[in-house]
Structures are given as structure tokens and as C-alpha cells.
Amino acid sequence: MRNTLILFILACFLMPPLALAATNDKPVLAPVGPRRDAAKKDTKSMDPKNRVLAKVGGEEVTQADVDAILYADPARFRDKPPTEAEKLNALDGLLVSLVLATEARLTGLDKDPIIAKKLTKTENQILSKAYTENLIKGKVDVTDEQMKEYYEKNKDDFYDKPAIKIFWILVDTKEEADKLFAEMKKSPANQMSTSGEKGKAEGKVILSAPHVFRALAVRNSKDTATASKGGWVPWFNKGEKDPEVEKVALALTENELSHPVKGQNGWYLILKEAQTEGKQNSFLNSRSIIYQKLVDEQERKILGEALERIRKHVTVELISKPD
């Protein structure tokens, strides 16, 4: 049904107007309007985006209008350009919309109170955005000196804290934790070992078969968020977990198993898988982030000053708070 409608619209609105001319008493179809070669020359001198593709009741549909439809989702044609069929589809959609909107105005639908309110709301949003863009245009200026000063004053914001990847088993009592620790010790698959004489003195325990730990976590851990994943805890930074758990986890080495640890929610057995060291990001690596922060600050300042000025002659009356 829609395809039929589109074909009808294209037939009615896109077909070039033709006039009947007579030459030597023989009917000849000739285009009305400027010569084709002259129109072609004018098109070349125009911005391609402003090229008129069609008209509906005098309203032009340009290449820019079609592009706005095609590229509304920037990711859609990131890997390949739109096909001819997709371009025509976008044009068809615009034509259908304009034809129906034109008829809606002719029938007075735009005067309906509910529709008129929606139109005003949309118009206000467009005007507000356009005014803001014009307001800040050419007024934002971020220099290297400003960015370097910001970086020096906020270095901590550009420091990557140590990140830790662990597995844990959480139980209610020390007795349960001790029992699981002992079970891992006697597992033939695990073959627990200490790291040399120093490791024995420190009580370090390195698991040769971490999958045993994960199997025990599935069966015994009361932490429902991690138990089904074998006790896997997503990467986290220092300061994001239970302080006692973090303290032990940071001190462990790769594949090292902790002795039972008393935490805020119970007793933990911790198996460390990996850790990244803390790193201070350089100014160059942070430059783009700083630039955007300073741009946002300047834009907010410009807009704030404008609002303060505008509110002196535009009345705002707060009637009630929203529910």
C-alpha cells in the first residue's frame, strides 16, 4: 500500500511539467521553464548540499534534507555509503511527509489546540537551540596555557588508580572459610605451593589450578552477584571495595590465594588474577579531555550571563512544583 502511495506521489509531484509545442504541424513535447543546459550550469555553481531535488506545494526538498535523514544515526553508514535505493527511500519518505503535512494545513489541522501546542513546543526547542548556538558562536576560546594550568591544578583527575582483578568466596563464618581453605589444600588437582623459603615464611599460597577455587565459589559463596561466575569480581580501583579486602588483594601476587579475611559482609577467600599499576596520564594524553571541559565551562558561563540578562525583561512565574 505504501509503495503504491509513493509511486502515486512521485508521479504527481516529480514528473517534469511538459508543454505541447508545434513545429511544422507535428506535436512535440518540450519542457517548460529555463533551458536544460542553463539549469545544469546553475546547479554546478551551487553548494551540492543546497541542490533542490523536489518541490511540494512550493516547498523545496534539498540534498541536505535527504542527508539529514540518512545520517541521523552516524554509525549507520560508517563502513559503507548509502545505496541508491536507500537514498530514494529517504527522499520518498520526505515527499510523503510534506504532501500529508501540506494537506493537513489546508484542512486546518494545524489550528487544532492540541496540535498547535505540540507545534509550538517543537518550534520553541528549535529556536532555543539555534539561539544558544548563535550566542556562543565565535566566543569560545581555549588556549594551551589555560589547558596546562587546568592540568596542573587537577592532576589527580588524570591519575589512573591501580586496578585489581580478583575472584572471591564470601561465607558467613571463619569456620566455613577455614574449611574451604583446607579443602583447596588437599585437592590433588590444585597442588598448592609456596614461593620459595621467603614464601613459606610469609605464608604465601600460589594455586596451580585456579579452576578449583572457582568451582568452590559456585557451590559455596553467598555473594549472589559473583558466585555463578566462579567468584569473579569485575576490575575495580583502589577505594571502591571493602578496605580490608582491598588491603589484602593489593598485597597478593598473581594466582596467590589469601588466608581467610574478615570483611564488612563476612569472611572472604581471595584469589588474585591480575593488577595494573597506578599511572599519571601526561598532559598530551589528557589534552582533548581538558579542552572539552574548558569549552563546556565557557559555554555555560556565556549562557548563564545571557539568561541573567534576558530574565530582566522576560517574566518567569513559578506556579507549582512538579509532582
C-alpha atoms as a PDB file:
ATOM      1  CA  MET A   1       0.000   0.000   0.000  1.00  0.00           C
ATOM      2  CA  ARG A   2       2.789   2.419   0.967  1.00  0.00           C
ATOM      3  CA  ASN A   3       4.733   1.661  -2.251  1.00  0.00           C
ATOM      4  CA  THR A   4       1.629   2.438  -4.307  1.00  0.00           C
ATOM      5  CA  LEU A   5       1.195   5.730  -2.469  1.00  0.00           C
ATOM      6  CA  ILE A   6       4.838   6.675  -3.030  1.00  0.00           C
ATOM      7  CA  LEU A   7       4.642   5.894  -6.735  1.00  0.00           C
ATOM      8  CA  PHE A   8       1.490   7.994  -6.996  1.00  0.00           C
ATOM      9  CA  ILE A   9       3.133  10.937  -5.229  1.00  0.00           C
ATOM     10  CA  LEU A  10       6.262  10.673  -7.366  1.00  0.00           C
ATOM     11  CA  ALA A  11       4.113  10.577 -10.476  1.00  0.00           C
ATOM     12  CA  CYS A  12       2.168  13.652  -9.382  1.00  0.00           C
ATOM     13  CA  PHE A  13       4.960  15.774  -7.961  1.00  0.00           C
ATOM     14  CA  LEU A  14       8.262  14.704  -9.514  1.00  0.00           C
ATOM     15  CA  MET A  15       7.375  14.356 -13.178  1.00  0.00           C
ATOM     16  CA  PRO A  16       8.716  17.424 -15.052  1.00  0.00           C
ATOM     17  CA  PRO A  17       5.931  19.633 -16.426  1.00  0.00           C
ATOM     18  CA  LEU A  18       5.579  19.232 -20.158  1.00  0.00           C
ATOM     19  CA  ALA A  19       4.057  21.542 -22.767  1.00  0.00           C
ATOM     20  CA  LEU A  20       2.845  20.754 -26.173  1.00  0.00           C
ATOM     21  CA  ALA A  21       4.678  22.694 -28.878  1.00  0.00           C
ATOM     22  CA  ALA A  22       4.008  22.588 -32.581  1.00  0.00           C
ATOM     23  CA  THR A  23       6.679  22.508 -35.250  1.00  0.00           C
ATOM     24  CA  ASN A  24       5.637  22.018 -38.868  1.00  0.00           C
ATOM     25  CA  ASP A  25       2.221  20.879 -37.636  1.00  0.00           C
ATOM     26  CA  LYS A  26       3.866  17.988 -35.732  1.00  0.00           C
ATOM     27  CA  PRO A  27       3.220  17.880 -31.965  1.00  0.00           C
ATOM     28  CA  VAL A  28       6.430  17.979 -29.940  1.00  0.00           C
ATOM     29  CA  LEU A  29       6.735  17.705 -26.147  1.00  0.00           C
ATOM     30  CA  ALA A  30       9.007  20.444 -24.818  1.00  0.00           C
ATOM     31  CA  PRO A  31       9.958  21.277 -21.210  1.00  0.00           C
ATOM     32  CA  VAL A  32       8.525  24.450 -19.712  1.00  0.00           C
ATOM     33  CA  GLY A  33      10.960  26.819 -17.968  1.00  0.00           C
ATOM     34  CA  PRO A  34      14.666  27.616 -18.424  1.00  0.00           C
ATOM     35  CA  ARG A  35      16.774  25.665 -20.877  1.00  0.00           C
ATOM     36  CA  ARG A  36      18.216  22.435 -19.508  1.00  0.00           C
ATOM     37  CA  ASP A  37      21.835  23.421 -20.158  1.00  0.00           C
ATOM     38  CA  ALA A  38      21.340  26.706 -18.297  1.00  0.00           C
ATOM     39  CA  ALA A  39      19.781  24.916 -15.327  1.00  0.00           C
ATOM     40  CA  LYS A  40      22.682  22.459 -15.317  1.00  0.00           C
ATOM     41  CA  LYS A  41      25.182  25.330 -15.227  1.00  0.00           C
ATOM     42  CA  ASP A  42      23.361  26.947 -12.287  1.00  0.00           C
ATOM     43  CA  THR A  43      23.384  23.655 -10.373  1.00  0.00           C
ATOM     44  CA  LYS A  44      27.154  23.351 -10.706  1.00  0.00           C
ATOM     45  CA  SER A  45      27.680  26.789  -9.173  1.00  0.00           C
ATOM     46  CA  MET A  46      25.581  25.903  -6.139  1.00  0.00           C
ATOM     47  CA  ASP A  47      26.625  24.163  -2.954  1.00  0.00           C
ATOM     48  CA  PRO A  48      25.789  20.461  -3.581  1.00  0.00           C
ATOM     49  CA  LYS A  49      24.035  20.309  -0.233  1.00  0.00           C
ATOM     50  CA  ASN A  50      21.584  23.006  -1.348  1.00  0.00           C
ATOM     51  CA  ARG A  51      20.721  21.265  -4.602  1.00  0.00           C
ATOM     52  CA  VAL A  52      16.944  21.129  -4.924  1.00  0.00           C
ATOM     53  CA  LEU A  53      15.700  17.592  -5.523  1.00  0.00           C
ATOM     54  CA  ALA A  54      11.959  18.203  -5.479  1.00  0.00           C
ATOM     55  CA  LYS A  55       9.237  20.679  -4.582  1.00  0.00           C
ATOM     56  CA  VAL A  56       5.962  20.080  -2.799  1.00  0.00           C
ATOM     57  CA  GLY A  57       3.499  22.958  -2.968  1.00  0.00           C
ATOM     58  CA  GLY A  58       6.392  25.377  -3.406  1.00  0.00           C
ATOM     59  CA  GLU A  59       8.445  23.977  -0.504  1.00  0.00           C
ATOM     60  CA  GLU A  60      11.863  22.733  -1.595  1.00  0.00           C
ATOM     61  CA  VAL A  61      13.435  19.405  -0.675  1.00  0.00           C
ATOM     62  CA  THR A  62      17.226  19.615  -0.900  1.00  0.00           C
ATOM     63  CA  GLN A  63      20.140  17.214  -0.778  1.00  0.00           C
ATOM     64  CA  ALA A  64      20.802  18.457   2.770  1.00  0.00           C
ATOM     65  CA  ASP A  65      17.283  17.368   3.796  1.00  0.00           C
ATOM     66  CA  VAL A  66      17.876  13.867   2.438  1.00  0.00           C
ATOM     67  CA  ASP A  67      21.315  13.689   4.096  1.00  0.00           C
ATOM     68  CA  ALA A  68      19.765  14.680   7.438  1.00  0.00           C
ATOM     69  CA  ILE A  69      17.503  11.622   7.201  1.00  0.00           C
ATOM     70  CA  LEU A  70      20.235   9.276   6.006  1.00  0.00           C
ATOM     71  CA  TYR A  71      22.817  10.287   8.586  1.00  0.00           C
ATOM     72  CA  ALA A  72      20.543  10.793  11.601  1.00  0.00           C
ATOM     73  CA  ASP A  73      22.364   7.761  13.007  1.00  0.00           C
ATOM     74  CA  PRO A  74      26.082   8.492  12.332  1.00  0.00           C
ATOM     75  CA  ALA A  75      27.044   4.837  12.767  1.00  0.00           C
ATOM     76  CA  ARG A  76      24.642   3.562  10.102  1.00  0.00           C
ATOM     77  CA  PHE A  77      26.823   4.364   7.092  1.00  0.00           C
ATOM     78  CA  ARG A  78      30.194   4.443   8.820  1.00  0.00           C
ATOM     79  CA  ASP A  79      31.558   1.465   6.880  1.00  0.00           C
ATOM     80  CA  LYS A  80      29.787   1.914   3.550  1.00  0.00           C
ATOM     81  CA  PRO A  81      27.855   4.725   1.819  1.00  0.00           C
ATOM     82  CA  PRO A  82      24.092   4.511   1.347  1.00  0.00           C
ATOM     83  CA  THR A  83      22.845   2.698  -1.737  1.00  0.00           C
ATOM     84  CA  GLU A  84      20.783   4.387  -4.435  1.00  0.00           C
ATOM     85  CA  ALA A  85      17.719   2.579  -3.107  1.00  0.00           C
ATOM     86  CA  GLU A  86      18.336   3.929   0.402  1.00  0.00           C
ATOM     87  CA  LYS A  87      18.757   7.466  -0.947  1.00  0.00           C
ATOM     88  CA  LEU A  88      15.494   7.206  -2.887  1.00  0.00           C
ATOM     89  CA  ASN A  89      13.784   5.759   0.182  1.00  0.00           C
ATOM     90  CA  ALA A  90      14.835   8.791   2.230  1.00  0.00           C
ATOM     91  CA  LEU A  91      13.568  11.151  -0.492  1.00  0.00           C
ATOM     92  CA  ASP A  92      10.300   9.222  -0.766  1.00  0.00           C
ATOM     93  CA  GLY A  93       9.789   9.499   2.984  1.00  0.00           C
ATOM     94  CA  LEU A  94      10.314  13.273   2.896  1.00  0.00           C
ATOM     95  CA  LEU A  95       7.903  13.709  -0.002  1.00  0.00           C
ATOM     96  CA  VAL A  96       5.183  11.654   1.665  1.00  0.00           C
ATOM     97  CA  SER A  97       5.630  13.638   4.878  1.00  0.00           C
ATOM     98  CA  LEU A  98       5.459  17.004   3.093  1.00  0.00           C
ATOM     99  CA  VAL A  99       2.445  16.054   0.976  1.00  0.00           C
ATOM    100  CA  LEU A 100       0.498  14.920   4.051  1.00  0.00           C
ATOM    101  CA  ALA A 101       1.598  17.955   6.096  1.00  0.00           C
ATOM    102  CA  THR A 102       0.530  20.291   3.283  1.00  0.00           C
ATOM    103  CA  GLU A 103      -2.885  18.691   3.168  1.00  0.00           C
ATOM    104  CA  ALA A 104      -3.131  18.855   6.971  1.00  0.00           C
ATOM    105  CA  ARG A 105      -2.601  22.639   6.848  1.00  0.00           C
ATOM    106  CA  LEU A 106      -5.140  23.035   4.043  1.00  0.00           C
ATOM    107  CA  THR A 107      -7.722  21.226   6.179  1.00  0.00           C
ATOM    108  CA  GLY A 108      -6.911  23.417   9.204  1.00  0.00           C
ATOM    109  CA  LEU A 109      -5.442  20.650  11.335  1.00  0.00           C
ATOM    110  CA  ASP A 110      -2.587  22.933  12.440  1.00  0.00           C
ATOM    111  CA  LYS A 111      -5.212  25.126  14.172  1.00  0.00           C
ATOM    112  CA  ASP A 112      -6.366  22.290  16.440  1.00  0.00           C
ATOM    113  CA  PRO A 113      -5.449  23.352  20.045  1.00  0.00           C
ATOM    114  CA  ILE A 114      -3.605  20.114  20.899  1.00  0.00           C
ATOM    115  CA  ILE A 115      -1.693  20.057  17.601  1.00  0.00           C
ATOM    116  CA  ALA A 116      -0.930  23.775  17.840  1.00  0.00           C
ATOM    117  CA  LYS A 117       0.544  23.272  21.320  1.00  0.00           C
ATOM    118  CA  LYS A 118       2.806  20.477  20.067  1.00  0.00           C
ATOM    119  CA  LEU A 119       3.929  22.621  17.135  1.00  0.00           C
ATOM    120  CA  THR A 120       4.741  25.497  19.470  1.00  0.00           C
ATOM    121  CA  LYS A 121       6.746  23.177  21.733  1.00  0.00           C
ATOM    122  CA  THR A 122       8.779  21.896  18.782  1.00  0.00           C
ATOM    123  CA  GLU A 123       9.291  25.431  17.493  1.00  0.00           C
ATOM    124  CA  ASN A 124      10.486  26.571  20.929  1.00  0.00           C
ATOM    125  CA  GLN A 125      13.014  23.750  21.097  1.00  0.00           C
ATOM    126  CA  ILE A 126      14.396  24.604  17.647  1.00  0.00           C
ATOM    127  CA  LEU A 127      14.587  28.342  18.422  1.00  0.00           C
ATOM    128  CA  SER A 128      16.206  27.726  21.814  1.00  0.00           C
ATOM    129  CA  LYS A 129      18.901  25.536  20.262  1.00  0.00           C
ATOM    130  CA  ALA A 130      19.503  27.986  17.403  1.00  0.00           C
ATOM    131  CA  TYR A 131      19.739  30.961  19.774  1.00  0.00           C
ATOM    132  CA  THR A 132      22.230  29.126  22.003  1.00  0.00           C
ATOM    133  CA  GLU A 133      24.386  28.158  19.023  1.00  0.00           C
ATOM    134  CA  ASN A 134      24.392  31.751  17.738  1.00  0.00           C
ATOM    135  CA  LEU A 135      25.108  33.050  21.242  1.00  0.00           C
ATOM    136  CA  ILE A 136      28.301  31.039  21.740  1.00  0.00           C
ATOM    137  CA  LYS A 137      29.461  31.106  18.116  1.00  0.00           C
ATOM    138  CA  GLY A 138      32.944  32.603  17.898  1.00  0.00           C
ATOM    139  CA  LYS A 139      33.060  33.417  21.616  1.00  0.00           C
ATOM    140  CA  VAL A 140      34.696  30.248  22.956  1.00  0.00           C
ATOM    141  CA  ASP A 141      38.478  30.413  23.020  1.00  0.00           C
ATOM    142  CA  VAL A 142      40.560  27.796  24.861  1.00  0.00           C
ATOM    143  CA  THR A 143      44.338  28.273  24.818  1.00  0.00           C
ATOM    144  CA  ASP A 144      47.180  25.860  25.546  1.00  0.00           C
ATOM    145  CA  GLU A 145      48.113  27.961  28.577  1.00  0.00           C
ATOM    146  CA  GLN A 146      44.628  27.546  30.043  1.00  0.00           C
ATOM    147  CA  MET A 147      44.706  23.794  29.442  1.00  0.00           C
ATOM    148  CA  LYS A 148      48.144  23.391  31.039  1.00  0.00           C
ATOM    149  CA  GLU A 149      47.056  25.428  34.054  1.00  0.00           C
ATOM    150  CA  TYR A 150      43.954  23.256  34.449  1.00  0.00           C
ATOM    151  CA  TYR A 151      46.050  20.095  34.188  1.00  0.00           C
ATOM    152  CA  GLU A 152      48.492  21.239  36.899  1.00  0.00           C
ATOM    153  CA  LYS A 153      45.660  22.203  39.267  1.00  0.00           C
ATOM    154  CA  ASN A 154      43.730  18.960  38.706  1.00  0.00           C
ATOM    155  CA  LYS A 155      46.439  16.340  38.207  1.00  0.00           C
ATOM    156  CA  ASP A 156      44.652  13.875  40.470  1.00  0.00           C
ATOM    157  CA  ASP A 157      41.767  13.777  37.980  1.00  0.00           C
ATOM    158  CA  PHE A 158      44.169  12.407  35.366  1.00  0.00           C
ATOM    159  CA  TYR A 159      45.701   9.700  37.524  1.00  0.00           C
ATOM    160  CA  ASP A 160      44.662   6.124  36.794  1.00  0.00           C
ATOM    161  CA  LYS A 161      44.428   4.330  40.117  1.00  0.00           C
ATOM    162  CA  PRO A 162      45.717   0.752  40.447  1.00  0.00           C
ATOM    163  CA  ALA A 163      43.118  -1.643  39.055  1.00  0.00           C
ATOM    164  CA  ILE A 164      42.697  -5.124  40.507  1.00  0.00           C
ATOM    165  CA  LYS A 165      41.130  -8.297  39.142  1.00  0.00           C
ATOM    166  CA  ILE A 166      40.257 -10.953  41.702  1.00  0.00           C
ATOM    167  CA  PHE A 167      37.981 -13.878  42.467  1.00  0.00           C
ATOM    168  CA  TRP A 168      36.475 -14.254  45.910  1.00  0.00           C
ATOM    169  CA  ILE A 169      34.390 -16.587  48.016  1.00  0.00           C
ATOM    170  CA  LEU A 170      32.195 -14.980  50.670  1.00  0.00           C
ATOM    171  CA  VAL A 171      30.883 -17.007  53.630  1.00  0.00           C
ATOM    172  CA  ASP A 172      29.347 -16.130  56.976  1.00  0.00           C
ATOM    173  CA  THR A 173      31.885 -17.583  59.409  1.00  0.00           C
ATOM    174  CA  LYS A 174      35.630 -18.093  59.799  1.00  0.00           C
ATOM    175  CA  GLU A 175      34.992 -21.806  60.296  1.00  0.00           C
ATOM    176  CA  GLU A 176      33.421 -22.055  56.832  1.00  0.00           C
ATOM    177  CA  ALA A 177      36.304 -20.094  55.300  1.00  0.00           C
ATOM    178  CA  ASP A 178      38.894 -22.293  57.059  1.00  0.00           C
ATOM    179  CA  LYS A 179      37.120 -25.428  55.836  1.00  0.00           C
ATOM    180  CA  LEU A 180      37.184 -24.224  52.200  1.00  0.00           C
ATOM    181  CA  PHE A 181      40.833 -23.193  52.525  1.00  0.00           C
ATOM    182  CA  ALA A 182      41.692 -26.672  53.809  1.00  0.00           C
ATOM    183  CA  GLU A 183      39.678 -28.293  51.024  1.00  0.00           C
ATOM    184  CA  MET A 184      41.760 -26.453  48.415  1.00  0.00           C
ATOM    185  CA  LYS A 185      44.937 -27.532  50.195  1.00  0.00           C
ATOM    186  CA  LYS A 186      44.145 -31.214  49.931  1.00  0.00           C
ATOM    187  CA  SER A 187      42.828 -31.106  46.335  1.00  0.00           C
ATOM    188  CA  PRO A 188      45.083 -33.291  44.112  1.00  0.00           C
ATOM    189  CA  ALA A 189      44.287 -31.091  41.106  1.00  0.00           C
ATOM    190  CA  ASN A 190      45.411 -27.972  42.906  1.00  0.00           C
ATOM    191  CA  GLN A 191      48.853 -28.979  44.183  1.00  0.00           C
ATOM    192  CA  MET A 192      49.237 -25.800  46.206  1.00  0.00           C
ATOM    193  CA  SER A 193      52.738 -24.479  46.585  1.00  0.00           C
ATOM    194  CA  THR A 194      54.624 -21.715  48.350  1.00  0.00           C
ATOM    195  CA  SER A 195      57.002 -19.359  46.600  1.00  0.00           C
ATOM    196  CA  GLY A 196      60.380 -20.446  47.979  1.00  0.00           C
ATOM    197  CA  GLU A 197      61.702 -20.074  51.522  1.00  0.00           C
ATOM    198  CA  LYS A 198      60.517 -16.461  51.694  1.00  0.00           C
ATOM    199  CA  GLY A 199      57.061 -17.568  50.597  1.00  0.00           C
ATOM    200  CA  LYS A 200      56.936 -20.201  53.357  1.00  0.00           C
ATOM    201  CA  ALA A 201      57.907 -17.621  55.943  1.00  0.00           C
ATOM    202  CA  GLU A 202      55.227 -15.221  54.721  1.00  0.00           C
ATOM    203  CA  GLY A 203      52.656 -17.996  54.336  1.00  0.00           C
ATOM    204  CA  LYS A 204      52.128 -17.304  50.629  1.00  0.00           C
ATOM    205  CA  VAL A 205      49.988 -19.851  48.806  1.00  0.00           C
ATOM    206  CA  ILE A 206      50.064 -19.984  44.983  1.00  0.00           C
ATOM    207  CA  LEU A 207      47.333 -22.017  43.247  1.00  0.00           C
ATOM    208  CA  SER A 208      48.472 -24.132  40.318  1.00  0.00           C
ATOM    209  CA  ALA A 209      44.844 -24.924  39.408  1.00  0.00           C
ATOM    210  CA  PRO A 210      42.665 -21.810  39.949  1.00  0.00           C
ATOM    211  CA  HIS A 211      39.625 -23.591  38.481  1.00  0.00           C
ATOM    212  CA  VAL A 212      39.295 -25.490  41.779  1.00  0.00           C
ATOM    213  CA  PHE A 213      38.768 -22.168  43.567  1.00  0.00           C
ATOM    214  CA  ARG A 214      36.136 -21.124  41.028  1.00  0.00           C
ATOM    215  CA  ALA A 215      34.245 -24.403  41.393  1.00  0.00           C
ATOM    216  CA  LEU A 216      34.133 -23.969  45.169  1.00  0.00           C
ATOM    217  CA  ALA A 217      32.903 -20.389  44.717  1.00  0.00           C
ATOM    218  CA  VAL A 218      29.947 -21.562  42.604  1.00  0.00           C
ATOM    219  CA  ARG A 219      28.923 -24.061  45.274  1.00  0.00           C
ATOM    220  CA  ASN A 220      29.651 -22.110  48.459  1.00  0.00           C
ATOM    221  CA  SER A 221      29.846 -18.329  48.031  1.00  0.00           C
ATOM    222  CA  LYS A 222      26.891 -16.369  49.395  1.00  0.00           C
ATOM    223  CA  ASP A 223      27.674 -13.414  47.121  1.00  0.00           C
ATOM    224  CA  THR A 224      24.938 -13.953  44.531  1.00  0.00           C
ATOM    225  CA  ALA A 225      26.432 -11.373  42.151  1.00  0.00           C
ATOM    226  CA  THR A 226      29.687 -13.304  41.716  1.00  0.00           C
ATOM    227  CA  ALA A 227      29.039 -16.919  42.782  1.00  0.00           C
ATOM    228  CA  SER A 228      27.595 -18.031  39.424  1.00  0.00           C
ATOM    229  CA  LYS A 229      30.716 -16.613  37.708  1.00  0.00           C
ATOM    230  CA  GLY A 230      33.085 -18.622  39.862  1.00  0.00           C
ATOM    231  CA  GLY A 231      33.600 -15.728  42.269  1.00  0.00           C
ATOM    232  CA  TRP A 232      34.797 -13.350  39.521  1.00  0.00           C
ATOM    233  CA  VAL A 233      34.824  -9.716  40.615  1.00  0.00           C
ATOM    234  CA  PRO A 234      34.960  -7.137  37.765  1.00  0.00           C
ATOM    235  CA  TRP A 235      38.073  -4.942  37.594  1.00  0.00           C
ATOM    236  CA  PHE A 236      37.966  -2.312  40.322  1.00  0.00           C
ATOM    237  CA  ASN A 237      40.113   0.585  41.504  1.00  0.00           C
ATOM    238  CA  LYS A 238      41.558   1.219  44.924  1.00  0.00           C
ATOM    239  CA  GLY A 239      38.926   2.791  47.140  1.00  0.00           C
ATOM    240  CA  GLU A 240      35.930   1.026  45.589  1.00  0.00           C
ATOM    241  CA  LYS A 241      35.695  -2.114  47.762  1.00  0.00           C
ATOM    242  CA  ASP A 242      35.784  -3.141  51.415  1.00  0.00           C
ATOM    243  CA  PRO A 243      39.033  -1.591  52.809  1.00  0.00           C
ATOM    244  CA  GLU A 244      40.201  -4.852  54.447  1.00  0.00           C
ATOM    245  CA  VAL A 245      39.558  -6.840  51.269  1.00  0.00           C
ATOM    246  CA  GLU A 246      41.415  -4.241  49.178  1.00  0.00           C
ATOM    247  CA  LYS A 247      44.367  -4.186  51.548  1.00  0.00           C
ATOM    248  CA  VAL A 248      44.838  -7.956  51.245  1.00  0.00           C
ATOM    249  CA  ALA A 249      44.111  -8.046  47.490  1.00  0.00           C
ATOM    250  CA  LEU A 250      46.708  -5.355  46.742  1.00  0.00           C
ATOM    251  CA  ALA A 251      49.365  -7.266  48.685  1.00  0.00           C
ATOM    252  CA  LEU A 252      48.750 -10.578  46.885  1.00  0.00           C
ATOM    253  CA  THR A 253      50.730 -11.677  43.831  1.00  0.00           C
ATOM    254  CA  GLU A 254      49.307 -13.296  40.685  1.00  0.00           C
ATOM    255  CA  ASN A 255      47.460 -16.587  41.390  1.00  0.00           C
ATOM    256  CA  GLU A 256      48.072 -16.148  45.103  1.00  0.00           C
ATOM    257  CA  LEU A 257      45.355 -17.268  47.497  1.00  0.00           C
ATOM    258  CA  SER A 258      44.684 -15.335  50.676  1.00  0.00           C
ATOM    259  CA  HIS A 259      44.036 -16.821  54.076  1.00  0.00           C
ATOM    260  CA  PRO A 260      40.520 -16.077  55.393  1.00  0.00           C
ATOM    261  CA  VAL A 261      39.904 -12.302  55.602  1.00  0.00           C
ATOM    262  CA  LYS A 262      37.288 -10.647  57.833  1.00  0.00           C
ATOM    263  CA  GLY A 263      35.336  -8.076  55.839  1.00  0.00           C
ATOM    264  CA  GLN A 264      32.210  -5.982  56.312  1.00  0.00           C
ATOM    265  CA  ASN A 265      29.894  -8.647  54.875  1.00  0.00           C
ATOM    266  CA  GLY A 266      31.520 -11.801  56.229  1.00  0.00           C
ATOM    267  CA  TRP A 267      34.661 -13.859  55.646  1.00  0.00           C
ATOM    268  CA  TYR A 268      36.475 -13.851  52.314  1.00  0.00           C
ATOM    269  CA  LEU A 269      38.894 -16.083  50.489  1.00  0.00           C
ATOM    270  CA  ILE A 270      40.571 -14.039  47.748  1.00  0.00           C
ATOM    271  CA  LEU A 271      42.345 -15.290  44.638  1.00  0.00           C
ATOM    272  CA  LYS A 272      44.234 -12.608  42.751  1.00  0.00           C
ATOM    273  CA  GLU A 273      44.411 -12.859  38.958  1.00  0.00           C
ATOM    274  CA  ALA A 274      45.956  -9.551  37.826  1.00  0.00           C
ATOM    275  CA  GLN A 275      46.713  -5.945  38.715  1.00  0.00           C
ATOM    276  CA  THR A 276      47.635  -2.800  36.805  1.00  0.00           C
ATOM    277  CA  GLU A 277      49.841  -0.213  38.472  1.00  0.00           C
ATOM    278  CA  GLY A 278      48.728   3.349  39.060  1.00  0.00           C
ATOM    279  CA  LYS A 279      49.719   5.757  36.289  1.00  0.00           C
ATOM    280  CA  GLN A 280      49.760   9.532  35.904  1.00  0.00           C
ATOM    281  CA  ASN A 281      48.466  10.449  32.453  1.00  0.00           C
ATOM    282  CA  SER A 282      50.550  13.093  30.698  1.00  0.00           C
ATOM    283  CA  PHE A 283      49.195  16.477  29.647  1.00  0.00           C
ATOM    284  CA  LEU A 284      49.328  15.429  25.982  1.00  0.00           C
ATOM    285  CA  ASN A 285      47.257  12.303  26.676  1.00  0.00           C
ATOM    286  CA  SER A 286      44.752  14.364  28.663  1.00  0.00           C
ATOM    287  CA  ARG A 287      44.626  17.363  26.333  1.00  0.00           C
ATOM    288  CA  SER A 288      41.411  16.504  24.456  1.00  0.00           C
ATOM    289  CA  ILE A 289      39.520  15.847  27.712  1.00  0.00           C
ATOM    290  CA  ILE A 290      40.731  19.118  29.231  1.00  0.00           C
ATOM    291  CA  TYR A 291      39.845  21.035  26.069  1.00  0.00           C
ATOM    292  CA  GLN A 292      36.244  19.778  26.162  1.00  0.00           C
ATOM    293  CA  LYS A 293      35.933  20.555  29.888  1.00  0.00           C
ATOM    294  CA  LEU A 294      37.077  24.148  29.357  1.00  0.00           C
ATOM    295  CA  VAL A 295      34.836  24.573  26.309  1.00  0.00           C
ATOM    296  CA  ASP A 296      31.859  23.375  28.379  1.00  0.00           C
ATOM    297  CA  GLU A 297      32.775  25.787  31.188  1.00  0.00           C
ATOM    298  CA  GLN A 298      32.995  28.765  28.838  1.00  0.00           C
ATOM    299  CA  GLU A 299      29.713  27.863  27.123  1.00  0.00           C
ATOM    300  CA  ARG A 300      27.932  27.537  30.494  1.00  0.00           C
ATOM    301  CA  LYS A 301      29.301  30.932  31.553  1.00  0.00           C
ATOM    302  CA  ILE A 302      28.170  32.631  28.321  1.00  0.00           C
ATOM    303  CA  LEU A 303      24.716  31.059  28.577  1.00  0.00           C
ATOM    304  CA  GLY A 304      24.429  31.929  32.296  1.00  0.00           C
ATOM    305  CA  GLU A 305      25.229  35.588  31.647  1.00  0.00           C
ATOM    306  CA  ALA A 306      22.725  35.671  28.769  1.00  0.00           C
ATOM    307  CA  LEU A 307      19.981  34.136  30.915  1.00  0.00           C
ATOM    308  CA  GLU A 308      20.635  36.670  33.673  1.00  0.00           C
ATOM    309  CA  ARG A 309      20.240  39.495  31.145  1.00  0.00           C
ATOM    310  CA  ILE A 310      17.163  38.000  29.447  1.00  0.00           C
ATOM    311  CA  ARG A 311      15.322  37.366  32.727  1.00  0.00           C
ATOM    312  CA  LYS A 312      15.225  41.112  33.320  1.00  0.00           C
ATOM    313  CA  HIS A 313      12.667  41.521  30.543  1.00  0.00           C
ATOM    314  CA  VAL A 314      11.166  38.019  30.203  1.00  0.00           C
ATOM    315  CA  THR A 315       8.819  37.150  33.079  1.00  0.00           C
ATOM    316  CA  VAL A 316       9.048  33.681  34.596  1.00  0.00           C
ATOM    317  CA  GLU A 317       6.318  32.762  37.061  1.00  0.00           C
ATOM    318  CA  LEU A 318       6.618  29.509  39.005  1.00  0.00           C
ATOM    319  CA  ILE A 319       3.089  28.361  39.836  1.00  0.00           C
ATOM    320  CA  SER A 320       3.753  24.998  41.456  1.00  0.00           C
ATOM    321  CA  LYS A 321       6.417  22.337  41.878  1.00  0.00           C
ATOM    322  CA  PRO A 322       6.111  19.223  39.689  1.00  0.00           C
ATOM    323  CA  ASP A 323       4.801  16.028  41.299  1.00  0.00           C
END
